[in-house]
Every structure is written in structure tokens, then in C-alpha cells.
Amino acid sequence: MERYNDYSFLLDRTARRVKQYAQYQFNCQQFGITVDQWAILKGLKQYADLSQKELAEYCGKDQPTLTRIVDLLVSKKLVERQANPTDRRSFVVHLTPAGEQKIDALSDSINKIRMEAWKKLNEDDFEHLKRILDTIYTNLNIG
């Protein structure tokens, strides 16, 4: 049991380090957004026009946190909220042209930042890591 606690600690520590390193690079390179804001932009690029609830689920954020991030992205004119045509009580969030441009401008730089974590791993390492992380994720299905 103790060994599993050690692994959980390593997993948490590594996830924090990856995010801290990325945010440090975002700041140094003056991207003008945070790692969390980038995740929202990329989610909207991949799955256009999501409701805030869907976007929160996709990005793994709770509703209040997502709302704050979307508010900031709206103020930066990178996303817009529109009334949801199928549910008047909710909004659909979509990228603005400036949001699309931001993604295009930063994608290569952010991919280089992300690759820093993987640089000493080979294909077998990637396959094992993917299998392990997918198993952990599946073990913790919430609904």
C-alpha cells in the first residue's frame, strides 16, 4: 500500500512540475495567456462551440473555475459567449478570429515547451506511459 502512495505522490508531483514549467515558459516568452487559458482555447479549437458545462468537463475544470477563465478570455477578446440555441439557460463559447490567431501564433512554441518533458523518452516509454495513464484514468471513472 505504501508503494502506491509513493506512486500517487510522484504522479501529482510530476503533473505539477509539467504545469509549472509550462507556465514559467509562457511567462518568459510573454504569450499573454496562462496554461489554463491555453487549454480552453485548444479545447474550443478541437471541439467548436461547446457549452460552458461541456467545456468544463472536457478541460477537467469545475464550473466556477471555468467561468473565471472564460471571463478572462472574453476580456482578451479571444473567445465569445453566445446564447445556446438548444438551452436558453446556458451559453455556447466559441473562438473569435483573434483566438484562432493566438492558437496559430503559439502552437509551435507551445509544442516545443511540451516536448521538453519528453526529450529523453523513447517510443516504448511512451507506449508504457500511455497504457499506465489510461488504466489509472479508467480506474477512476466517476460516472
C-alpha atoms as a PDB file:
ATOM      1  CA  MET A   1       0.000   0.000   0.000  1.00  0.00           C
ATOM      2  CA  GLU A   2       2.824   2.389   0.857  1.00  0.00           C
ATOM      3  CA  ARG A   3       4.316   1.891  -2.606  1.00  0.00           C
ATOM      4  CA  TYR A   4       1.072   3.066  -4.248  1.00  0.00           C
ATOM      5  CA  ASN A   5       1.108   6.212  -2.136  1.00  0.00           C
ATOM      6  CA  ASP A   6       4.631   6.877  -3.400  1.00  0.00           C
ATOM      7  CA  TYR A   7       3.438   6.494  -6.994  1.00  0.00           C
ATOM      8  CA  SER A   8       0.493   8.803  -6.401  1.00  0.00           C
ATOM      9  CA  PHE A   9       2.869  11.361  -4.958  1.00  0.00           C
ATOM     10  CA  LEU A  10       5.163  11.018  -7.999  1.00  0.00           C
ATOM     11  CA  LEU A  11       2.239  11.379 -10.377  1.00  0.00           C
ATOM     12  CA  ASP A  12       0.963  14.514  -8.607  1.00  0.00           C
ATOM     13  CA  ARG A  13       4.456  15.976  -8.321  1.00  0.00           C
ATOM     14  CA  THR A  14       5.169  15.369 -11.998  1.00  0.00           C
ATOM     15  CA  ALA A  15       1.859  16.872 -13.140  1.00  0.00           C
ATOM     16  CA  ARG A  16       2.555  19.987 -11.048  1.00  0.00           C
ATOM     17  CA  ARG A  17       6.100  20.277 -12.429  1.00  0.00           C
ATOM     18  CA  VAL A  18       4.906  19.996 -16.026  1.00  0.00           C
ATOM     19  CA  LYS A  19       2.342  22.754 -15.462  1.00  0.00           C
ATOM     20  CA  GLN A  20       4.786  24.961 -13.528  1.00  0.00           C
ATOM     21  CA  TYR A  21       7.444  24.598 -16.227  1.00  0.00           C
ATOM     22  CA  ALA A  22       4.948  25.399 -18.966  1.00  0.00           C
ATOM     23  CA  GLN A  23       3.608  28.455 -17.111  1.00  0.00           C
ATOM     24  CA  TYR A  24       7.165  29.665 -16.492  1.00  0.00           C
ATOM     25  CA  GLN A  25       7.863  29.419 -20.228  1.00  0.00           C
ATOM     26  CA  PHE A  26       4.542  31.106 -21.090  1.00  0.00           C
ATOM     27  CA  ASN A  27       5.567  33.999 -18.828  1.00  0.00           C
ATOM     28  CA  CYS A  28       9.158  34.203 -20.095  1.00  0.00           C
ATOM     29  CA  GLN A  29       8.004  34.195 -23.709  1.00  0.00           C
ATOM     30  CA  GLN A  30       5.214  36.677 -22.937  1.00  0.00           C
ATOM     31  CA  PHE A  31       2.413  34.673 -24.519  1.00  0.00           C
ATOM     32  CA  GLY A  32      -0.190  36.822 -22.762  1.00  0.00           C
ATOM     33  CA  ILE A  33      -2.190  33.822 -21.572  1.00  0.00           C
ATOM     34  CA  THR A  34      -1.896  31.138 -18.917  1.00  0.00           C
ATOM     35  CA  VAL A  35      -1.584  27.378 -19.347  1.00  0.00           C
ATOM     36  CA  ASP A  36      -5.215  27.012 -18.227  1.00  0.00           C
ATOM     37  CA  GLN A  37      -6.352  29.620 -20.754  1.00  0.00           C
ATOM     38  CA  TRP A  38      -4.411  27.765 -23.460  1.00  0.00           C
ATOM     39  CA  ALA A  39      -6.216  24.522 -22.549  1.00  0.00           C
ATOM     40  CA  ILE A  40      -9.562  26.258 -23.010  1.00  0.00           C
ATOM     41  CA  LEU A  41      -8.526  27.740 -26.356  1.00  0.00           C
ATOM     42  CA  LYS A  42      -7.283  24.363 -27.588  1.00  0.00           C
ATOM     43  CA  GLY A  43     -10.462  22.658 -26.386  1.00  0.00           C
ATOM     44  CA  LEU A  44     -12.547  25.125 -28.364  1.00  0.00           C
ATOM     45  CA  LYS A  45     -10.336  24.663 -31.420  1.00  0.00           C
ATOM     46  CA  GLN A  46     -10.819  20.903 -31.271  1.00  0.00           C
ATOM     47  CA  TYR A  47     -14.498  20.922 -30.263  1.00  0.00           C
ATOM     48  CA  ALA A  48     -16.012  24.116 -31.623  1.00  0.00           C
ATOM     49  CA  ASP A  49     -18.865  25.897 -29.873  1.00  0.00           C
ATOM     50  CA  LEU A  50     -19.125  23.976 -26.614  1.00  0.00           C
ATOM     51  CA  SER A  51     -21.445  24.880 -23.783  1.00  0.00           C
ATOM     52  CA  GLN A  52     -19.611  26.036 -20.677  1.00  0.00           C
ATOM     53  CA  LYS A  53     -20.612  22.770 -18.981  1.00  0.00           C
ATOM     54  CA  GLU A  54     -19.205  20.679 -21.845  1.00  0.00           C
ATOM     55  CA  LEU A  55     -16.052  22.786 -21.931  1.00  0.00           C
ATOM     56  CA  ALA A  56     -15.571  22.370 -18.170  1.00  0.00           C
ATOM     57  CA  GLU A  57     -15.911  18.590 -18.490  1.00  0.00           C
ATOM     58  CA  TYR A  58     -13.528  18.415 -21.443  1.00  0.00           C
ATOM     59  CA  CYS A  59     -10.875  20.525 -19.708  1.00  0.00           C
ATOM     60  CA  GLY A  60     -11.309  18.953 -16.277  1.00  0.00           C
ATOM     61  CA  LYS A  61     -12.295  22.232 -14.606  1.00  0.00           C
ATOM     62  CA  ASP A  62     -15.116  22.896 -12.198  1.00  0.00           C
ATOM     63  CA  GLN A  63     -17.787  25.375 -13.308  1.00  0.00           C
ATOM     64  CA  PRO A  64     -16.643  28.375 -11.212  1.00  0.00           C
ATOM     65  CA  THR A  65     -13.018  27.983 -12.351  1.00  0.00           C
ATOM     66  CA  LEU A  66     -14.037  27.620 -15.971  1.00  0.00           C
ATOM     67  CA  THR A  67     -16.281  30.678 -15.727  1.00  0.00           C
ATOM     68  CA  ARG A  68     -13.357  32.779 -14.421  1.00  0.00           C
ATOM     69  CA  ILE A  69     -11.065  31.559 -17.199  1.00  0.00           C
ATOM     70  CA  VAL A  70     -13.693  32.200 -19.883  1.00  0.00           C
ATOM     71  CA  ASP A  71     -14.320  35.675 -18.424  1.00  0.00           C
ATOM     72  CA  LEU A  72     -10.613  36.451 -18.815  1.00  0.00           C
ATOM     73  CA  LEU A  73     -10.548  35.095 -22.365  1.00  0.00           C
ATOM     74  CA  VAL A  74     -13.631  37.176 -23.225  1.00  0.00           C
ATOM     75  CA  SER A  75     -11.909  40.284 -21.837  1.00  0.00           C
ATOM     76  CA  LYS A  76      -8.904  39.483 -24.058  1.00  0.00           C
ATOM     77  CA  LYS A  77     -11.311  39.102 -26.999  1.00  0.00           C
ATOM     78  CA  LEU A  78     -10.094  35.550 -27.653  1.00  0.00           C
ATOM     79  CA  VAL A  79     -13.493  33.887 -27.098  1.00  0.00           C
ATOM     80  CA  GLU A  80     -17.134  34.935 -27.117  1.00  0.00           C
ATOM     81  CA  ARG A  81     -20.230  33.658 -25.380  1.00  0.00           C
ATOM     82  CA  GLN A  82     -23.434  33.254 -27.329  1.00  0.00           C
ATOM     83  CA  ALA A  83     -26.857  32.112 -26.222  1.00  0.00           C
ATOM     84  CA  ASN A  84     -27.170  28.362 -26.546  1.00  0.00           C
ATOM     85  CA  PRO A  85     -29.763  27.698 -29.276  1.00  0.00           C
ATOM     86  CA  THR A  86     -30.891  24.474 -27.583  1.00  0.00           C
ATOM     87  CA  ASP A  87     -30.884  25.720 -23.959  1.00  0.00           C
ATOM     88  CA  ARG A  88     -31.671  29.350 -23.168  1.00  0.00           C
ATOM     89  CA  ARG A  89     -30.240  28.917 -19.649  1.00  0.00           C
ATOM     90  CA  SER A  90     -26.693  28.324 -20.912  1.00  0.00           C
ATOM     91  CA  PHE A  91     -24.092  29.810 -23.211  1.00  0.00           C
ATOM     92  CA  VAL A  92     -22.011  28.420 -26.025  1.00  0.00           C
ATOM     93  CA  VAL A  93     -18.387  29.515 -26.046  1.00  0.00           C
ATOM     94  CA  HIS A  94     -16.521  29.874 -29.309  1.00  0.00           C
ATOM     95  CA  LEU A  95     -13.213  31.204 -30.551  1.00  0.00           C
ATOM     96  CA  THR A  96     -13.022  34.669 -32.055  1.00  0.00           C
ATOM     97  CA  PRO A  97     -10.766  35.358 -35.044  1.00  0.00           C
ATOM     98  CA  ALA A  98      -8.240  36.747 -32.515  1.00  0.00           C
ATOM     99  CA  GLY A  99      -8.472  33.456 -30.578  1.00  0.00           C
ATOM    100  CA  GLU A 100      -7.823  31.485 -33.753  1.00  0.00           C
ATOM    101  CA  GLN A 101      -4.826  33.726 -34.499  1.00  0.00           C
ATOM    102  CA  LYS A 102      -3.500  33.260 -30.951  1.00  0.00           C
ATOM    103  CA  ILE A 103      -3.623  29.484 -31.335  1.00  0.00           C
ATOM    104  CA  ASP A 104      -1.890  29.643 -34.721  1.00  0.00           C
ATOM    105  CA  ALA A 105       0.782  32.016 -33.406  1.00  0.00           C
ATOM    106  CA  LEU A 106       1.589  29.997 -30.275  1.00  0.00           C
ATOM    107  CA  SER A 107       1.139  26.357 -31.305  1.00  0.00           C
ATOM    108  CA  ASP A 108       4.710  25.717 -32.447  1.00  0.00           C
ATOM    109  CA  SER A 109       6.240  27.385 -29.400  1.00  0.00           C
ATOM    110  CA  ILE A 110       3.965  25.527 -27.015  1.00  0.00           C
ATOM    111  CA  ASN A 111       4.686  22.213 -28.702  1.00  0.00           C
ATOM    112  CA  LYS A 112       8.409  22.850 -28.147  1.00  0.00           C
ATOM    113  CA  ILE A 113       7.759  23.598 -24.475  1.00  0.00           C
ATOM    114  CA  ARG A 114       5.785  20.378 -24.106  1.00  0.00           C
ATOM    115  CA  MET A 115       8.452  18.340 -25.892  1.00  0.00           C
ATOM    116  CA  GLU A 116      10.992  19.315 -23.247  1.00  0.00           C
ATOM    117  CA  ALA A 117       9.362  16.862 -20.845  1.00  0.00           C
ATOM    118  CA  TRP A 118       9.559  14.006 -23.356  1.00  0.00           C
ATOM    119  CA  LYS A 119      13.036  14.538 -24.807  1.00  0.00           C
ATOM    120  CA  LYS A 120      14.770  11.535 -23.168  1.00  0.00           C
ATOM    121  CA  LEU A 121      11.937   9.055 -23.674  1.00  0.00           C
ATOM    122  CA  ASN A 122      11.725   6.500 -26.482  1.00  0.00           C
ATOM    123  CA  GLU A 123       8.684   5.003 -28.220  1.00  0.00           C
ATOM    124  CA  ASP A 124       8.456   2.092 -25.764  1.00  0.00           C
ATOM    125  CA  ASP A 125       8.463   4.561 -22.868  1.00  0.00           C
ATOM    126  CA  PHE A 126       5.604   6.478 -24.492  1.00  0.00           C
ATOM    127  CA  GLU A 127       3.561   3.315 -25.040  1.00  0.00           C
ATOM    128  CA  HIS A 128       4.047   2.138 -21.438  1.00  0.00           C
ATOM    129  CA  LEU A 129       3.238   5.580 -20.047  1.00  0.00           C
ATOM    130  CA  LYS A 130       0.123   5.878 -22.199  1.00  0.00           C
ATOM    131  CA  ARG A 131      -1.087   2.434 -21.152  1.00  0.00           C
ATOM    132  CA  ILE A 132      -0.485   3.157 -17.471  1.00  0.00           C
ATOM    133  CA  LEU A 133      -2.113   6.600 -17.526  1.00  0.00           C
ATOM    134  CA  ASP A 134      -5.117   5.292 -19.487  1.00  0.00           C
ATOM    135  CA  THR A 135      -5.527   2.488 -16.933  1.00  0.00           C
ATOM    136  CA  ILE A 136      -5.363   4.899 -13.980  1.00  0.00           C
ATOM    137  CA  TYR A 137      -7.854   7.206 -15.700  1.00  0.00           C
ATOM    138  CA  THR A 138     -10.254   4.338 -16.421  1.00  0.00           C
ATOM    139  CA  ASN A 139      -9.954   3.005 -12.856  1.00  0.00           C
ATOM    140  CA  LEU A 140     -11.223   6.330 -11.556  1.00  0.00           C
ATOM    141  CA  ASN A 141     -14.332   6.688 -13.716  1.00  0.00           C
ATOM    142  CA  ILE A 142     -16.817   8.919 -11.887  1.00  0.00           C
ATOM    143  CA  GLY A 143     -19.974   8.262 -13.724  1.00  0.00           C
END
